[in-house]
Each structure stands twice: as structure tokens, then as C-alpha cells.
Amino acid sequence: MTLIQHLGTEHGFLFSFAGAESIVAIMIDNLKGMEILHRIESGLRVTMVIEVGKKHGPWMNQYSIFFISMLLVIVTAATVGYFGFYSAWRFRIARAQSENQVSLCVPLLF
């Protein structure tokens, strides 16, 4: 068994075992790692059992990706909708000004 301490970090200890090449890393918190280290240093024989636990997944799972995708679709639809209404409003104002200018240019014949 090899005991490696990451200096300057609070991540604890990384244990690697001969014959366990498929295991990438086993993380133990700092307090438990210090307890194991003190027992090893005092000459006590330490035996550990590794059980299969919950897989530590990435910080983004399928639900958060779905939520972000739906949020992006909603924001895009709102932006396109606002641009459409704003363009129609500007077109209507420009048309009204154009009609107003045309009516001012037409001479009144009495």
C-alpha cells in the first residue's frame, strides 16, 4: 500500500493498492486520513475494506443540461419576439411619418 499526501491541500490522502489497477483513486477526507496515518505511524496494522458506493458524477447531469437548453430556447424565442415587435413598431412609426410628410407636401387647391 502506498500512502500519498497532497501537500498544501485539504483533499486528504490517495491510497493505491497493488492489484487494483482498474481503480483510479480513492478519496478520503482529511480527518479520516489523519486518523489512518496516525494509526499506521504508531505501528498498528490497518485493514481497509473498499465497498462500491455511489458514483460521483459530474457537476452537470442530464437534467441540468435539459434545463439550460430549455432556458436558452426560451431566451432566444423572447429575443426574436421582441425584435419582431420592435421592428414592426419602428416600421409603423416610419410609415406614419412618411404619410404625414406626404400630406404636408401636397398643395391644397381651392
N, C-alpha and C. Protein backbone atom coordinates (compact mmCIF):
# COMPACT_ATOMS: atom_id res chain seq x y z
N MET A 1 0.85 -1.17 0.00
CA MET A 1 0.00 0.00 0.00
C MET A 1 0.90 1.23 0.00
N THR A 2 0.57 2.17 -0.85
CA THR A 2 1.32 3.42 -0.93
C THR A 2 0.45 4.54 -0.41
N LEU A 3 0.99 5.37 0.47
CA LEU A 3 0.26 6.49 1.05
C LEU A 3 0.85 7.78 0.53
N ILE A 4 0.03 8.56 -0.16
CA ILE A 4 0.49 9.81 -0.73
C ILE A 4 -0.34 10.94 -0.16
N GLN A 5 0.30 11.94 0.40
CA GLN A 5 -0.42 13.10 0.93
C GLN A 5 -0.20 14.27 -0.02
N HIS A 6 -1.30 14.91 -0.40
CA HIS A 6 -1.20 16.09 -1.25
C HIS A 6 -0.86 17.27 -0.35
N LEU A 7 0.35 17.78 -0.46
CA LEU A 7 0.81 18.85 0.41
C LEU A 7 0.08 20.15 0.10
N GLY A 8 -0.33 20.85 1.15
CA GLY A 8 -0.97 22.13 0.99
C GLY A 8 -2.42 22.08 0.61
N THR A 9 -3.01 20.89 0.59
CA THR A 9 -4.42 20.79 0.23
C THR A 9 -5.17 20.12 1.37
N GLU A 10 -6.46 20.23 1.32
CA GLU A 10 -7.31 19.59 2.32
C GLU A 10 -8.05 18.40 1.72
N HIS A 11 -7.53 17.85 0.63
CA HIS A 11 -8.22 16.77 -0.04
C HIS A 11 -8.01 15.42 0.64
N GLY A 12 -7.10 15.33 1.53
CA GLY A 12 -6.91 14.05 2.22
C GLY A 12 -5.81 13.25 1.57
N PHE A 13 -6.00 11.95 1.49
CA PHE A 13 -4.96 11.03 1.07
C PHE A 13 -5.44 10.18 -0.09
N LEU A 14 -4.50 9.79 -0.90
CA LEU A 14 -4.77 8.91 -2.02
C LEU A 14 -4.07 7.60 -1.75
N PHE A 15 -4.83 6.53 -1.70
CA PHE A 15 -4.27 5.20 -1.46
C PHE A 15 -4.26 4.45 -2.78
N SER A 16 -3.15 3.81 -3.09
CA SER A 16 -3.11 2.93 -4.26
C SER A 16 -2.68 1.55 -3.80
N PHE A 17 -3.30 0.53 -4.34
CA PHE A 17 -3.07 -0.84 -3.91
C PHE A 17 -2.53 -1.65 -5.07
N ALA A 18 -1.60 -2.52 -4.78
CA ALA A 18 -1.11 -3.44 -5.80
C ALA A 18 -2.23 -4.40 -6.16
N GLY A 19 -2.44 -4.59 -7.43
CA GLY A 19 -3.50 -5.49 -7.88
C GLY A 19 -4.82 -4.78 -8.11
N ALA A 20 -4.88 -3.49 -7.91
CA ALA A 20 -6.12 -2.74 -8.13
C ALA A 20 -5.88 -1.69 -9.21
N GLU A 21 -5.42 -2.14 -10.37
CA GLU A 21 -5.07 -1.21 -11.43
C GLU A 21 -6.29 -0.53 -12.03
N SER A 22 -7.46 -1.13 -11.94
CA SER A 22 -8.65 -0.54 -12.54
C SER A 22 -9.24 0.57 -11.69
N ILE A 23 -8.82 0.69 -10.43
CA ILE A 23 -9.31 1.74 -9.56
C ILE A 23 -8.45 2.98 -9.77
N VAL A 24 -9.09 4.09 -10.12
CA VAL A 24 -8.35 5.31 -10.41
C VAL A 24 -7.87 5.95 -9.12
N ALA A 25 -8.78 6.23 -8.19
CA ALA A 25 -8.41 6.89 -6.94
C ALA A 25 -9.49 6.65 -5.90
N ILE A 26 -9.06 6.65 -4.66
CA ILE A 26 -9.98 6.55 -3.53
C ILE A 26 -9.74 7.79 -2.68
N MET A 27 -10.75 8.63 -2.55
CA MET A 27 -10.60 9.87 -1.81
C MET A 27 -11.15 9.69 -0.39
N ILE A 28 -10.37 10.12 0.58
CA ILE A 28 -10.75 10.07 1.99
C ILE A 28 -10.59 11.47 2.54
N ASP A 29 -11.54 11.91 3.36
CA ASP A 29 -11.43 13.26 3.89
C ASP A 29 -10.22 13.39 4.82
N ASN A 30 -9.84 14.62 5.12
CA ASN A 30 -8.60 14.90 5.83
C ASN A 30 -8.59 14.32 7.24
N LEU A 31 -9.69 14.44 7.98
CA LEU A 31 -9.72 13.93 9.35
C LEU A 31 -9.56 12.41 9.40
N LYS A 32 -10.30 11.72 8.52
CA LYS A 32 -10.20 10.26 8.49
C LYS A 32 -8.82 9.83 8.01
N GLY A 33 -8.26 10.57 7.04
CA GLY A 33 -6.92 10.25 6.55
C GLY A 33 -5.86 10.44 7.62
N MET A 34 -5.98 11.51 8.42
CA MET A 34 -5.02 11.74 9.50
C MET A 34 -5.14 10.65 10.57
N GLU A 35 -6.36 10.22 10.84
CA GLU A 35 -6.56 9.13 11.81
C GLU A 35 -5.88 7.85 11.33
N ILE A 36 -6.05 7.53 10.05
CA ILE A 36 -5.42 6.33 9.50
C ILE A 36 -3.90 6.48 9.52
N LEU A 37 -3.40 7.67 9.17
CA LEU A 37 -1.96 7.91 9.16
C LEU A 37 -1.37 7.75 10.56
N HIS A 38 -2.02 8.29 11.58
CA HIS A 38 -1.51 8.16 12.95
C HIS A 38 -1.50 6.70 13.41
N ARG A 39 -2.50 5.95 13.02
CA ARG A 39 -2.51 4.53 13.40
C ARG A 39 -1.39 3.77 12.70
N ILE A 40 -1.13 4.09 11.43
CA ILE A 40 -0.04 3.43 10.71
C ILE A 40 1.30 3.81 11.34
N GLU A 41 1.47 5.11 11.67
CA GLU A 41 2.73 5.57 12.26
C GLU A 41 2.98 4.97 13.63
N SER A 42 1.90 4.67 14.37
CA SER A 42 2.06 4.08 15.70
C SER A 42 2.34 2.58 15.64
N GLY A 43 2.35 2.02 14.44
CA GLY A 43 2.68 0.61 14.29
C GLY A 43 1.47 -0.30 14.27
N LEU A 44 0.29 0.25 14.35
CA LEU A 44 -0.93 -0.54 14.33
C LEU A 44 -1.19 -1.02 12.91
N ARG A 45 -1.58 -2.27 12.78
CA ARG A 45 -1.89 -2.81 11.47
C ARG A 45 -3.27 -2.32 11.06
N VAL A 46 -3.36 -1.72 9.89
CA VAL A 46 -4.63 -1.14 9.40
C VAL A 46 -5.12 -1.97 8.22
N THR A 47 -6.35 -2.41 8.32
CA THR A 47 -7.00 -3.15 7.24
C THR A 47 -8.19 -2.34 6.77
N MET A 48 -8.30 -2.18 5.48
CA MET A 48 -9.40 -1.38 4.93
C MET A 48 -10.23 -2.24 4.00
N VAL A 49 -11.53 -2.01 4.01
CA VAL A 49 -12.46 -2.68 3.11
C VAL A 49 -13.04 -1.60 2.20
N ILE A 50 -12.96 -1.84 0.93
CA ILE A 50 -13.49 -0.89 -0.03
C ILE A 50 -14.80 -1.43 -0.56
N GLU A 51 -15.87 -0.67 -0.37
CA GLU A 51 -17.18 -1.06 -0.86
C GLU A 51 -17.57 -0.16 -2.02
N VAL A 52 -18.35 -0.72 -2.91
CA VAL A 52 -18.83 0.06 -4.03
C VAL A 52 -19.91 1.00 -3.52
N GLY A 53 -19.69 2.27 -3.73
CA GLY A 53 -20.64 3.27 -3.27
C GLY A 53 -21.29 3.99 -4.43
N LYS A 54 -21.83 5.14 -4.14
CA LYS A 54 -22.47 5.96 -5.15
C LYS A 54 -21.41 6.58 -6.05
N LYS A 55 -21.65 6.50 -7.33
CA LYS A 55 -20.72 7.08 -8.29
C LYS A 55 -20.79 8.60 -8.19
N HIS A 56 -19.63 9.21 -8.08
CA HIS A 56 -19.56 10.67 -8.02
C HIS A 56 -19.59 11.19 -9.44
N GLY A 57 -20.74 11.74 -9.83
CA GLY A 57 -20.92 12.19 -11.20
C GLY A 57 -20.39 13.59 -11.43
N PRO A 58 -20.47 14.03 -12.65
CA PRO A 58 -20.04 15.39 -12.97
C PRO A 58 -20.98 16.41 -12.37
N TRP A 59 -20.56 17.66 -12.34
CA TRP A 59 -21.39 18.69 -11.73
C TRP A 59 -22.61 19.01 -12.57
N MET A 60 -22.61 18.60 -13.83
CA MET A 60 -23.78 18.79 -14.68
C MET A 60 -24.34 17.43 -15.06
N ASN A 61 -25.57 17.17 -14.69
CA ASN A 61 -26.20 15.91 -15.09
C ASN A 61 -27.17 16.20 -16.24
N GLN A 62 -27.93 15.20 -16.65
CA GLN A 62 -28.80 15.34 -17.82
C GLN A 62 -29.92 16.33 -17.56
N TYR A 63 -30.37 16.46 -16.31
CA TYR A 63 -31.46 17.38 -16.01
C TYR A 63 -31.00 18.84 -16.08
N SER A 64 -29.79 19.11 -15.60
CA SER A 64 -29.30 20.49 -15.67
C SER A 64 -29.00 20.87 -17.12
N ILE A 65 -28.53 19.94 -17.94
CA ILE A 65 -28.31 20.23 -19.35
C ILE A 65 -29.65 20.50 -20.04
N PHE A 66 -30.68 19.71 -19.71
CA PHE A 66 -32.01 19.93 -20.26
C PHE A 66 -32.55 21.29 -19.83
N PHE A 67 -32.38 21.65 -18.56
CA PHE A 67 -32.87 22.93 -18.05
C PHE A 67 -32.17 24.09 -18.76
N ILE A 68 -30.86 24.01 -18.91
CA ILE A 68 -30.11 25.08 -19.58
C ILE A 68 -30.52 25.17 -21.05
N SER A 69 -30.76 24.03 -21.69
CA SER A 69 -31.19 24.03 -23.09
C SER A 69 -32.56 24.70 -23.23
N MET A 70 -33.50 24.34 -22.36
CA MET A 70 -34.82 24.96 -22.42
C MET A 70 -34.75 26.46 -22.12
N LEU A 71 -33.90 26.84 -21.18
CA LEU A 71 -33.72 28.25 -20.86
C LEU A 71 -33.16 29.00 -22.07
N LEU A 72 -32.22 28.40 -22.78
CA LEU A 72 -31.66 29.02 -23.97
C LEU A 72 -32.73 29.17 -25.05
N VAL A 73 -33.58 28.15 -25.23
CA VAL A 73 -34.65 28.23 -26.23
C VAL A 73 -35.63 29.34 -25.87
N ILE A 74 -36.00 29.45 -24.59
CA ILE A 74 -36.95 30.47 -24.15
C ILE A 74 -36.37 31.87 -24.33
N VAL A 75 -35.12 32.05 -23.94
CA VAL A 75 -34.49 33.37 -24.08
C VAL A 75 -34.35 33.74 -25.56
N THR A 76 -34.01 32.77 -26.41
CA THR A 76 -33.91 33.04 -27.84
C THR A 76 -35.26 33.41 -28.43
N ALA A 77 -36.32 32.68 -28.04
CA ALA A 77 -37.66 32.99 -28.55
C ALA A 77 -38.11 34.37 -28.08
N ALA A 78 -37.83 34.71 -26.83
CA ALA A 78 -38.19 36.03 -26.33
C ALA A 78 -37.43 37.13 -27.07
N THR A 79 -36.17 36.90 -27.35
CA THR A 79 -35.37 37.90 -28.07
C THR A 79 -35.88 38.08 -29.50
N VAL A 80 -36.16 36.99 -30.19
CA VAL A 80 -36.67 37.08 -31.56
C VAL A 80 -38.05 37.73 -31.56
N GLY A 81 -38.90 37.39 -30.59
CA GLY A 81 -40.22 38.02 -30.48
C GLY A 81 -40.13 39.50 -30.23
N TYR A 82 -39.25 39.91 -29.33
CA TYR A 82 -39.07 41.33 -29.05
C TYR A 82 -38.55 42.05 -30.28
N PHE A 83 -37.60 41.45 -30.99
CA PHE A 83 -37.08 42.06 -32.21
C PHE A 83 -38.17 42.23 -33.25
N GLY A 84 -39.05 41.23 -33.38
CA GLY A 84 -40.16 41.32 -34.33
C GLY A 84 -41.11 42.44 -33.98
N PHE A 85 -41.53 42.52 -32.70
CA PHE A 85 -42.44 43.59 -32.29
C PHE A 85 -41.78 44.96 -32.41
N TYR A 86 -40.52 45.05 -32.05
CA TYR A 86 -39.81 46.33 -32.14
C TYR A 86 -39.67 46.77 -33.60
N SER A 87 -39.35 45.84 -34.50
CA SER A 87 -39.23 46.17 -35.92
C SER A 87 -40.58 46.61 -36.48
N ALA A 88 -41.66 45.91 -36.11
CA ALA A 88 -42.99 46.29 -36.58
C ALA A 88 -43.37 47.67 -36.06
N TRP A 89 -43.04 47.96 -34.83
CA TRP A 89 -43.34 49.28 -34.25
C TRP A 89 -42.57 50.37 -34.99
N ARG A 90 -41.28 50.12 -35.23
CA ARG A 90 -40.46 51.11 -35.95
C ARG A 90 -40.98 51.30 -37.38
N PHE A 91 -41.39 50.23 -38.03
CA PHE A 91 -41.93 50.33 -39.38
C PHE A 91 -43.23 51.13 -39.39
N ARG A 92 -44.08 50.89 -38.40
CA ARG A 92 -45.34 51.63 -38.31
C ARG A 92 -45.10 53.12 -38.08
N ILE A 93 -44.13 53.45 -37.21
CA ILE A 93 -43.80 54.86 -36.94
C ILE A 93 -43.23 55.51 -38.20
N ALA A 94 -42.34 54.81 -38.89
CA ALA A 94 -41.76 55.36 -40.12
C ALA A 94 -42.83 55.56 -41.19
N ARG A 95 -43.75 54.63 -41.30
CA ARG A 95 -44.84 54.76 -42.28
C ARG A 95 -45.75 55.92 -41.94
N ALA A 96 -46.07 56.09 -40.65
CA ALA A 96 -46.92 57.21 -40.23
C ALA A 96 -46.22 58.54 -40.51
N GLN A 97 -44.91 58.62 -40.25
CA GLN A 97 -44.18 59.85 -40.54
C GLN A 97 -44.14 60.12 -42.04
N SER A 98 -43.98 59.08 -42.83
CA SER A 98 -43.95 59.23 -44.28
C SER A 98 -45.29 59.74 -44.79
N GLU A 99 -46.38 59.18 -44.28
CA GLU A 99 -47.72 59.63 -44.69
C GLU A 99 -47.95 61.07 -44.26
N ASN A 100 -47.45 61.42 -43.07
CA ASN A 100 -47.61 62.79 -42.58
C ASN A 100 -46.83 63.75 -43.48
N GLN A 101 -45.63 63.36 -43.89
CA GLN A 101 -44.83 64.23 -44.75
C GLN A 101 -45.46 64.35 -46.14
N VAL A 102 -46.03 63.28 -46.65
CA VAL A 102 -46.69 63.34 -47.96
C VAL A 102 -47.87 64.26 -47.90
N SER A 103 -48.65 64.19 -46.82
CA SER A 103 -49.82 65.05 -46.70
C SER A 103 -49.43 66.51 -46.56
N LEU A 104 -48.27 66.81 -46.04
CA LEU A 104 -47.82 68.19 -45.92
C LEU A 104 -47.27 68.72 -47.24
N CYS A 105 -46.80 67.86 -48.10
CA CYS A 105 -46.23 68.28 -49.39
C CYS A 105 -47.29 68.51 -50.45
N VAL A 106 -48.46 67.90 -50.35
CA VAL A 106 -49.49 68.03 -51.36
C VAL A 106 -50.07 69.45 -51.26
N PRO A 107 -50.03 70.20 -52.34
CA PRO A 107 -50.60 71.56 -52.28
C PRO A 107 -52.12 71.51 -52.23
N LEU A 108 -52.67 72.41 -51.50
CA LEU A 108 -54.13 72.49 -51.38
C LEU A 108 -54.66 73.37 -52.49
N LEU A 109 -55.50 72.80 -53.30
CA LEU A 109 -56.08 73.56 -54.42
C LEU A 109 -57.51 73.90 -54.07
N PHE A 110 -57.80 75.21 -53.98
CA PHE A 110 -59.17 75.64 -53.69
C PHE A 110 -59.77 76.30 -54.87
